[in-house]
Each structure stands twice: as C-alpha cells, then as structure tokens.
Amino acid sequence: MYKSKIKIGKKSIGYDHPVYIIAEIGINHEGDPDLCMRMIDEAASAGADAIKLQTMDPEQNYASDSASYKLFKKAWLTPEQTKKMFDFSRSLKIEPITTVGDFKTLQWVRKLKPNAYKISSGLISHIPLIKEISLLKKPVVISTGTADLKEIEHAVKAVRNNNNDKIILLHCVSAYPTPPAQANLLFIGKLREIYGPFVGYSDHTLGDLAVTASVALGSCMIEKHFTLDKSRKSFDHNISLNPDEFRTMIKKVRSTEKMVNKNFFSISPIEKENKKWMRRIIVAKNDININGEITMNDILYLRKSSKETSISASETEKIIGKRVKKTVKKLQPIYWTNLE
C-alpha cells in the first residue's frame, strides 16, 4: 500500500494535493549571495513552493582540470552564505532545498535542517551518499536522468533499505537543453506504474510546454531552472525561465491540474445535469391512437424541450409492439404511463 502523501515542511505532496513546484536556482546565482537572495525573492513572488540550490564542494566533486570544477568553484557559496539563503527563504515562506554532492558538505548542510534532500541525476549512482542521506529520514527527491530502470531501482532500494519510504522520483533527461523529441514524457507513467504516485518531472527543455504536459501525465512535483537573466552566458541560464515566464508556467500548471481533476472517473457534475436535456427521447412521429401497437414507423427521436422524465432512445426495443392506453399526439413524448 502506497503512502497517501509525503510532506515537505508544511506542504503535502500526493494524490489530492497541488503539484509541488521547485524553482531550480542551482548555480545561476554565480556565487553572488545578493543575486541569490534576489532570485529567491522573485521565485517566492512567482508562486514557487521551494527553491533549490546545488551545494557542491568543487574539491570533493570534480577533477581540477574539468569544466565543472571551474564552474562550481566560481559559483560556490560558503556555509555561512548558504545558511543565510536558507534563513531568507524561510522568512518568505518558501522551502529551501539543496543538492548535496559529497559527505563533507552533507555534514554542515544537515545542520541547516532542510526538510528534503535532492539527489541529482549525476549522483544517482552515488549509492554511499544516497544511503547516508536516507538515514536522515527526510524526503529524498531523486532525478533519474542518465539512469535505466535497474539503476533507478538500485537508488530506490538504497533509501528503502534504511527504512525511509519518503521517495519522490523525478523523470529527467540529462541534455541541456533537451530536444522535445527526446523528452520521453511517457516514462512518467512507467515510473508511476512501478513506484506509485510520487513521480514528478525535472525539465530541461526550452519553454514550459513539457512541464504542463507532464502534469497532465500525473506529475506530483515539477522542477524547473530559474534565472533573472536568460541572456547570461554559461551556468544554466539558457535553459531557465525568468520570473515572468516562471509565473506563467505556474498558472498553466494550476490550470492543467483542474483539467485532470482526480476526484472522479465518470462524467463530470456539469455533464450529469446536461445529459438531462441533451439526450434523444422517443416521441410520436404521427398520432398514435388508443390501443395502437407501436412500430418503428410510429416513432421519432428528438431532443426534449423540458426536463420531464420520458423514454430514452436507448429503450426503443422495450416499447416496440406495445399498445398505447390513450392517444399520443404527433411529436408528443411517449411515456411509460401511456403504455399497457
């Protein structure tokens, strides 16, 4: 039996709860804490539920001659600066989350008491780190980019084996940007089939179409890169949304949620009313005299002009061959009370 919800801070994620939306600041702050605070403020104003940073010690994560080392070295926020970002986020009622890339960083980030931890696609095979994070008993959000089903299962088991079942999987394609033809959104349904309802989407396509489509496919969480200036070079600015675009995306997500209302799997309430007048009923094609036997030549199918109960077109076979107890005038409905 699956859990009915997973809580991150005060907000619940699950079947009957709104899609949880994360503004992925990542390293788009470029190591500038003032810029990061402005981004947090804008993300909160846009309506995001959480902001997410990437807290990677370059010395512990990347070879010194790699492009990633140079990028993350430039974008490093100190423990003190990161704490300031967490405190500022909480003052704005927006949840601070971060991707922790190594054991050394985890030791000081855990003191900030994040209400969830993010495992990036690049860390999905770092089983020792995943195990250590799972022991903290907080929700673990895992992006699945670059991973096949066997690798995803390995990561999930690493969490579950430590008695932590608060797992949210994010379908993700690790291409920056992701070509639309490779977004593979139906994989969301595959993950839901295997792991239950706590599956979302971390998007790297341009724009917001893939995000809204993923919500229609059942995503419970969305992660989308966020920037104040898409024209800036390097980092993740080019695959991000600016504040106005992010705000528009959230509106689309909320509208899409309404369109995929999960509370009924039958006709909608408004249709239940409309069916009372839209369906065809049986009326007399000509006058049918008393004791007359009804044949197909005696009836016509019309949309009725009132909500008065009469015989549906679907019940035609039940009235053929029956006699009428009193005359039915042309174009008048035939009622069960008219029949012998």
Protein backbone atom coordinates (compact mmCIF):
# COMPACT_ATOMS: atom_id res chain seq x y z
CA MET A 1 0.00 0.00 0.00
CA TYR A 2 1.43 3.35 -1.02
CA LYS A 3 1.63 6.33 1.32
CA SER A 4 -1.20 8.82 0.74
CA LYS A 5 1.11 11.81 0.94
CA ILE A 6 4.66 12.97 1.60
CA LYS A 7 5.20 16.21 3.48
CA ILE A 8 7.97 18.67 2.77
CA GLY A 9 7.76 21.21 5.52
CA LYS A 10 4.14 22.25 5.87
CA LYS A 11 3.11 21.27 2.34
CA SER A 12 1.79 17.87 1.33
CA ILE A 13 2.55 16.09 -1.92
CA GLY A 14 0.23 13.40 -3.13
CA TYR A 15 -2.89 12.38 -4.99
CA ASP A 16 -5.24 15.05 -3.67
CA HIS A 17 -2.65 17.81 -3.29
CA PRO A 18 -1.41 20.52 -5.66
CA VAL A 19 1.66 19.87 -7.78
CA TYR A 20 4.74 20.90 -5.82
CA ILE A 21 6.83 23.39 -7.81
CA ILE A 22 10.56 23.89 -7.31
CA ALA A 23 12.44 26.85 -8.73
CA GLU A 24 15.87 25.41 -9.54
CA ILE A 25 18.27 28.26 -8.82
CA GLY A 26 21.13 25.80 -8.81
CA ILE A 27 24.29 27.78 -9.52
CA ASN A 28 22.63 30.52 -11.56
CA HIS A 29 23.47 32.90 -8.72
CA GLU A 30 27.10 32.57 -9.96
CA GLY A 31 28.44 32.70 -6.41
CA ASP A 32 26.86 36.06 -5.62
CA PRO A 33 24.78 35.80 -2.41
CA ASP A 34 22.99 39.09 -3.09
CA LEU A 35 21.93 37.84 -6.53
CA CYS A 36 20.85 34.56 -4.96
CA MET A 37 18.65 36.42 -2.47
CA ARG A 38 17.04 38.40 -5.29
CA MET A 39 16.35 35.14 -7.11
CA ILE A 40 14.79 33.60 -4.00
CA ASP A 41 12.60 36.68 -3.59
CA GLU A 42 11.45 36.52 -7.22
CA ALA A 43 10.78 32.78 -7.04
CA ALA A 44 8.64 33.27 -3.94
CA SER A 45 6.76 36.10 -5.63
CA ALA A 46 6.15 33.92 -8.70
CA GLY A 47 4.46 31.28 -6.54
CA ALA A 48 7.07 28.53 -6.27
CA ASP A 49 6.79 26.15 -3.32
CA ALA A 50 10.53 25.73 -2.96
CA ILE A 51 13.87 26.93 -4.24
CA LYS A 52 16.70 24.51 -4.85
CA LEU A 53 20.41 25.19 -4.73
CA GLN A 54 23.35 22.98 -5.68
CA THR A 55 25.81 22.69 -2.81
CA MET A 56 28.88 21.00 -4.20
CA ASP A 57 32.38 21.32 -2.79
CA PRO A 58 34.40 21.51 -6.02
CA GLU A 59 37.39 19.82 -4.37
CA GLN A 60 35.21 16.85 -3.37
CA ASN A 61 33.27 16.51 -6.62
CA TYR A 62 35.24 17.37 -9.76
CA ALA A 63 38.67 16.87 -11.25
CA SER A 64 40.58 20.14 -11.02
CA ASP A 65 41.09 20.33 -14.79
CA SER A 66 37.38 19.84 -15.60
CA ALA A 67 34.91 22.48 -16.78
CA SER A 68 32.60 21.54 -13.89
CA TYR A 69 35.35 22.29 -11.36
CA LYS A 70 35.87 25.78 -12.74
CA LEU A 71 32.12 26.44 -12.90
CA PHE A 72 31.33 25.26 -9.38
CA LYS A 73 34.43 26.93 -7.94
CA LYS A 74 33.09 30.21 -9.26
CA ALA A 75 29.56 29.51 -8.02
CA TRP A 76 30.48 28.30 -4.53
CA LEU A 77 28.52 29.69 -1.58
CA THR A 78 30.15 29.30 1.82
CA PRO A 79 28.34 27.51 4.66
CA GLU A 80 27.58 30.89 6.20
CA GLN A 81 26.20 32.26 2.93
CA THR A 82 24.14 29.12 2.37
CA LYS A 83 22.67 29.40 5.85
CA LYS A 84 21.72 32.98 5.04
CA MET A 85 19.91 31.75 1.89
CA PHE A 86 18.02 29.14 3.92
CA ASP A 87 17.02 31.68 6.54
CA PHE A 88 15.92 34.18 3.92
CA SER A 89 13.86 31.57 2.08
CA ARG A 90 12.09 30.55 5.25
CA SER A 91 11.31 34.17 6.06
CA LEU A 92 9.47 34.32 2.72
CA LYS A 93 7.62 31.03 3.41
CA ILE A 94 9.36 29.27 0.54
CA GLU A 95 11.08 25.95 1.25
CA PRO A 96 14.88 25.83 0.81
CA ILE A 97 16.22 22.57 -0.65
CA THR A 98 19.66 21.76 -1.97
CA THR A 99 21.52 19.03 -3.81
CA VAL A 100 24.41 17.92 -1.61
CA GLY A 101 27.24 16.44 -3.65
CA ASP A 102 29.57 14.98 -1.05
CA PHE A 103 29.92 13.74 2.54
CA LYS A 104 31.90 16.77 3.72
CA THR A 105 29.19 19.16 2.55
CA LEU A 106 26.43 16.96 3.96
CA GLN A 107 27.87 17.33 7.45
CA TRP A 108 27.28 21.07 7.54
CA VAL A 109 24.17 21.21 5.33
CA ARG A 110 22.33 18.82 7.66
CA LYS A 111 22.75 21.43 10.42
CA LEU A 112 20.56 23.76 8.33
CA LYS A 113 17.77 21.20 8.80
CA PRO A 114 16.44 21.02 5.23
CA ASN A 115 13.03 19.35 5.04
CA ALA A 116 14.07 17.34 1.97
CA TYR A 117 17.20 16.34 0.10
CA LYS A 118 17.69 16.26 -3.65
CA ILE A 119 19.74 13.63 -5.46
CA SER A 120 20.71 14.93 -8.89
CA SER A 121 20.97 12.74 -11.97
CA GLY A 122 24.76 12.92 -11.71
CA LEU A 123 24.58 11.46 -8.21
CA ILE A 124 22.04 8.68 -8.82
CA SER A 125 24.80 6.04 -8.82
CA HIS A 126 26.48 7.50 -5.71
CA ILE A 127 24.87 4.84 -3.52
CA PRO A 128 27.06 5.52 -0.45
CA LEU A 129 25.92 9.16 -0.38
CA ILE A 130 22.29 8.22 -1.01
CA LYS A 131 22.41 5.78 1.89
CA GLU A 132 23.85 8.44 4.20
CA ILE A 133 21.17 10.94 3.20
CA SER A 134 18.40 8.38 3.61
CA LEU A 135 19.42 7.85 7.23
CA LEU A 136 18.32 11.42 7.97
CA LYS A 137 14.70 10.23 7.46
CA LYS A 138 13.77 13.24 5.33
CA PRO A 139 12.05 13.00 1.94
CA VAL A 140 14.54 12.12 -0.78
CA VAL A 141 13.89 13.52 -4.26
CA ILE A 142 15.77 11.61 -6.95
CA SER A 143 16.24 12.77 -10.54
CA THR A 144 16.50 9.84 -12.93
CA GLY A 145 18.48 11.38 -15.81
CA THR A 146 21.02 9.00 -17.43
CA ALA A 147 19.60 6.06 -15.42
CA ASP A 148 17.88 2.94 -16.69
CA LEU A 149 15.25 1.07 -14.66
CA LYS A 150 17.84 -1.16 -13.00
CA GLU A 151 19.87 1.84 -11.84
CA ILE A 152 16.75 3.63 -10.61
CA GLU A 153 15.78 0.56 -8.62
CA HIS A 154 19.26 0.43 -7.09
CA ALA A 155 18.93 4.04 -5.87
CA VAL A 156 15.41 3.49 -4.55
CA LYS A 157 16.49 0.39 -2.63
CA ALA A 158 19.36 2.32 -1.09
CA VAL A 159 16.79 4.61 0.51
CA ARG A 160 14.18 1.98 1.39
CA ASN A 161 16.74 -0.34 2.96
CA ASN A 162 17.34 2.35 5.55
CA ASN A 163 13.64 2.38 6.48
CA ASN A 164 12.91 5.55 4.57
CA ASP A 165 9.93 5.31 2.22
CA LYS A 166 9.63 9.05 1.56
CA ILE A 167 10.89 8.91 -2.01
CA ILE A 168 9.88 11.13 -4.92
CA LEU A 169 11.26 10.24 -8.35
CA LEU A 170 11.64 12.94 -10.98
CA HIS A 171 11.74 11.80 -14.58
CA CYS A 172 14.59 13.73 -16.14
CA VAL A 173 16.56 13.79 -19.38
CA SER A 174 20.13 14.97 -18.86
CA ALA A 175 20.52 17.05 -22.00
CA TYR A 176 20.86 20.83 -21.83
CA PRO A 177 18.59 21.78 -23.47
CA THR A 178 16.59 18.60 -24.04
CA PRO A 179 15.27 18.29 -27.61
CA PRO A 180 11.46 17.94 -27.48
CA ALA A 181 11.63 14.63 -29.34
CA GLN A 182 13.78 13.21 -26.54
CA ALA A 183 11.72 14.41 -23.56
CA ASN A 184 10.22 10.90 -23.26
CA LEU A 185 7.34 12.09 -21.06
CA LEU A 186 5.50 8.77 -21.16
CA PHE A 187 8.27 7.43 -18.92
CA ILE A 188 6.45 9.27 -16.12
CA GLY A 189 3.64 6.75 -16.46
CA LYS A 190 6.11 3.85 -16.40
CA LEU A 191 7.66 5.10 -13.17
CA ARG A 192 4.20 5.59 -11.64
CA GLU A 193 3.28 2.04 -12.65
CA ILE A 194 6.34 0.66 -10.84
CA TYR A 195 6.75 3.03 -7.90
CA GLY A 196 3.35 4.54 -7.28
CA PRO A 197 2.07 8.11 -7.37
CA PHE A 198 5.13 10.02 -6.13
CA VAL A 199 6.65 10.73 -9.52
CA GLY A 200 7.34 14.15 -10.99
CA TYR A 201 9.41 15.81 -13.68
CA SER A 202 12.66 17.77 -13.74
CA ASP A 203 12.64 19.69 -17.00
CA HIS A 204 15.49 20.76 -19.26
CA THR A 205 13.52 21.57 -22.40
CA LEU A 206 13.13 25.16 -23.51
CA GLY A 207 9.87 26.86 -22.50
CA ASP A 208 7.14 25.33 -20.35
CA LEU A 209 5.18 23.03 -22.68
CA ALA A 210 6.84 19.86 -21.40
CA VAL A 211 6.10 20.90 -17.83
CA THR A 212 2.37 21.31 -18.38
CA ALA A 213 2.25 18.11 -20.42
CA SER A 214 3.93 16.25 -17.57
CA VAL A 215 1.27 17.47 -15.15
CA ALA A 216 -1.40 16.02 -17.43
CA LEU A 217 0.53 12.73 -17.25
CA GLY A 218 0.41 12.68 -13.47
CA SER A 219 3.45 14.56 -12.18
CA CYS A 220 3.18 15.43 -8.50
CA MET A 221 6.30 17.62 -8.49
CA ILE A 222 7.93 19.94 -11.01
CA GLU A 223 11.49 21.23 -11.01
CA LYS A 224 12.41 23.95 -13.49
CA HIS A 225 15.55 26.05 -13.78
CA PHE A 226 15.17 29.69 -12.76
CA THR A 227 17.12 32.84 -13.67
CA LEU A 228 16.80 36.60 -13.62
CA ASP A 229 18.58 36.96 -16.97
CA LYS A 230 18.37 34.24 -19.65
CA SER A 231 20.92 36.03 -21.83
CA ARG A 232 23.81 35.45 -19.42
CA LYS A 233 26.43 33.01 -20.63
CA SER A 234 27.33 29.67 -19.11
CA PHE A 235 25.80 28.15 -15.98
CA ASP A 236 22.15 27.12 -16.63
CA HIS A 237 20.69 30.47 -17.69
CA ASN A 238 19.82 29.42 -21.26
CA ILE A 239 17.54 26.54 -20.16
CA SER A 240 15.88 28.57 -17.41
CA LEU A 241 12.72 30.63 -17.13
CA ASN A 242 12.79 34.22 -15.93
CA PRO A 243 10.38 35.36 -13.19
CA ASP A 244 7.56 36.34 -15.56
CA GLU A 245 7.89 33.10 -17.51
CA PHE A 246 8.01 31.08 -14.30
CA ARG A 247 4.88 32.82 -13.05
CA THR A 248 3.13 32.00 -16.33
CA MET A 249 4.27 28.38 -16.09
CA ILE A 250 2.79 28.07 -12.60
CA LYS A 251 -0.54 29.45 -13.82
CA LYS A 252 -0.55 26.85 -16.61
CA VAL A 253 0.27 24.09 -14.14
CA ARG A 254 -2.60 25.12 -11.87
CA SER A 255 -4.99 25.25 -14.84
CA THR A 256 -3.81 21.86 -16.03
CA GLU A 257 -4.38 20.42 -12.55
CA LYS A 258 -8.02 21.42 -12.80
CA MET A 259 -8.33 19.77 -16.20
CA VAL A 260 -7.04 16.46 -14.82
CA ASN A 261 -9.18 16.50 -11.69
CA LYS A 262 -8.56 13.17 -9.98
CA ASN A 263 -11.67 13.12 -7.81
CA PHE A 264 -13.98 11.45 -10.29
CA PHE A 265 -13.57 8.92 -13.08
CA SER A 266 -17.04 9.22 -14.52
CA ILE A 267 -18.92 12.02 -16.20
CA SER A 268 -18.42 15.43 -14.64
CA PRO A 269 -21.04 17.06 -12.40
CA ILE A 270 -21.98 19.57 -15.08
CA GLU A 271 -22.48 16.75 -17.59
CA LYS A 272 -24.81 14.97 -15.19
CA GLU A 273 -27.07 18.00 -15.46
CA ASN A 274 -26.62 18.47 -19.19
CA LYS A 275 -27.45 14.85 -20.03
CA LYS A 276 -30.98 15.53 -18.77
CA TRP A 277 -31.70 17.66 -21.84
CA MET A 278 -29.08 16.66 -24.40
CA ARG A 279 -30.09 13.04 -24.97
CA ARG A 280 -32.72 11.97 -27.55
CA ILE A 281 -36.11 10.77 -26.35
CA ILE A 282 -38.86 8.85 -28.12
CA VAL A 283 -41.80 10.87 -29.48
CA ALA A 284 -44.76 10.01 -31.70
CA LYS A 285 -43.99 10.50 -35.37
CA ASN A 286 -47.72 10.66 -36.06
CA ASP A 287 -50.81 10.44 -33.87
CA ILE A 288 -50.88 7.00 -32.25
CA ASN A 289 -54.47 6.14 -31.46
CA ILE A 290 -55.68 4.32 -28.37
CA ASN A 291 -54.88 0.57 -28.47
CA GLY A 292 -52.50 1.21 -31.35
CA GLU A 293 -49.46 -1.06 -31.45
CA ILE A 294 -46.22 0.85 -31.65
CA THR A 295 -43.95 0.13 -34.62
CA MET A 296 -40.70 1.75 -35.76
CA ASN A 297 -42.77 3.77 -38.24
CA ASP A 298 -44.62 5.39 -35.31
CA ILE A 299 -41.66 6.91 -33.51
CA LEU A 300 -39.16 9.72 -33.88
CA TYR A 301 -36.14 10.73 -31.80
CA LEU A 302 -35.89 14.32 -30.60
CA ARG A 303 -34.02 16.32 -28.01
CA LYS A 304 -36.67 17.21 -25.47
CA SER A 305 -37.64 20.75 -24.58
CA SER A 306 -38.05 20.14 -20.84
CA LYS A 307 -36.51 18.04 -18.06
CA GLU A 308 -39.66 15.96 -17.76
CA THR A 309 -38.87 12.24 -17.48
CA SER A 310 -39.66 10.35 -20.67
CA ILE A 311 -38.44 7.28 -22.55
CA SER A 312 -34.84 7.31 -23.76
CA ALA A 313 -33.88 6.36 -27.32
CA SER A 314 -31.80 3.57 -25.77
CA GLU A 315 -35.02 1.81 -24.69
CA THR A 316 -36.57 1.60 -28.14
CA GLU A 317 -36.71 -2.21 -28.20
CA LYS A 318 -38.71 -2.24 -24.96
CA ILE A 319 -41.62 -0.30 -26.44
CA ILE A 320 -41.89 -1.80 -29.93
CA GLY A 321 -45.03 -3.98 -30.08
CA LYS A 322 -46.63 -2.43 -27.00
CA ARG A 323 -50.09 -0.84 -27.21
CA VAL A 324 -50.94 2.64 -26.01
CA LYS A 325 -53.66 3.12 -23.37
CA LYS A 326 -54.56 6.57 -24.66
CA THR A 327 -53.90 8.52 -27.83
CA VAL A 328 -50.46 10.07 -28.17
CA LYS A 329 -50.43 13.18 -30.35
CA LYS A 330 -47.86 13.80 -33.05
CA LEU A 331 -44.45 14.95 -31.70
CA GLN A 332 -45.51 14.34 -28.10
CA PRO A 333 -43.20 12.24 -25.88
CA ILE A 334 -44.22 8.67 -25.24
CA TYR A 335 -44.28 7.92 -21.52
CA TRP A 336 -44.30 4.57 -19.76
CA THR A 337 -47.66 5.57 -18.31
CA ASN A 338 -49.04 5.72 -21.90
CA LEU A 339 -48.29 2.02 -22.41
CA GLU A 340 -50.13 -1.14 -21.42
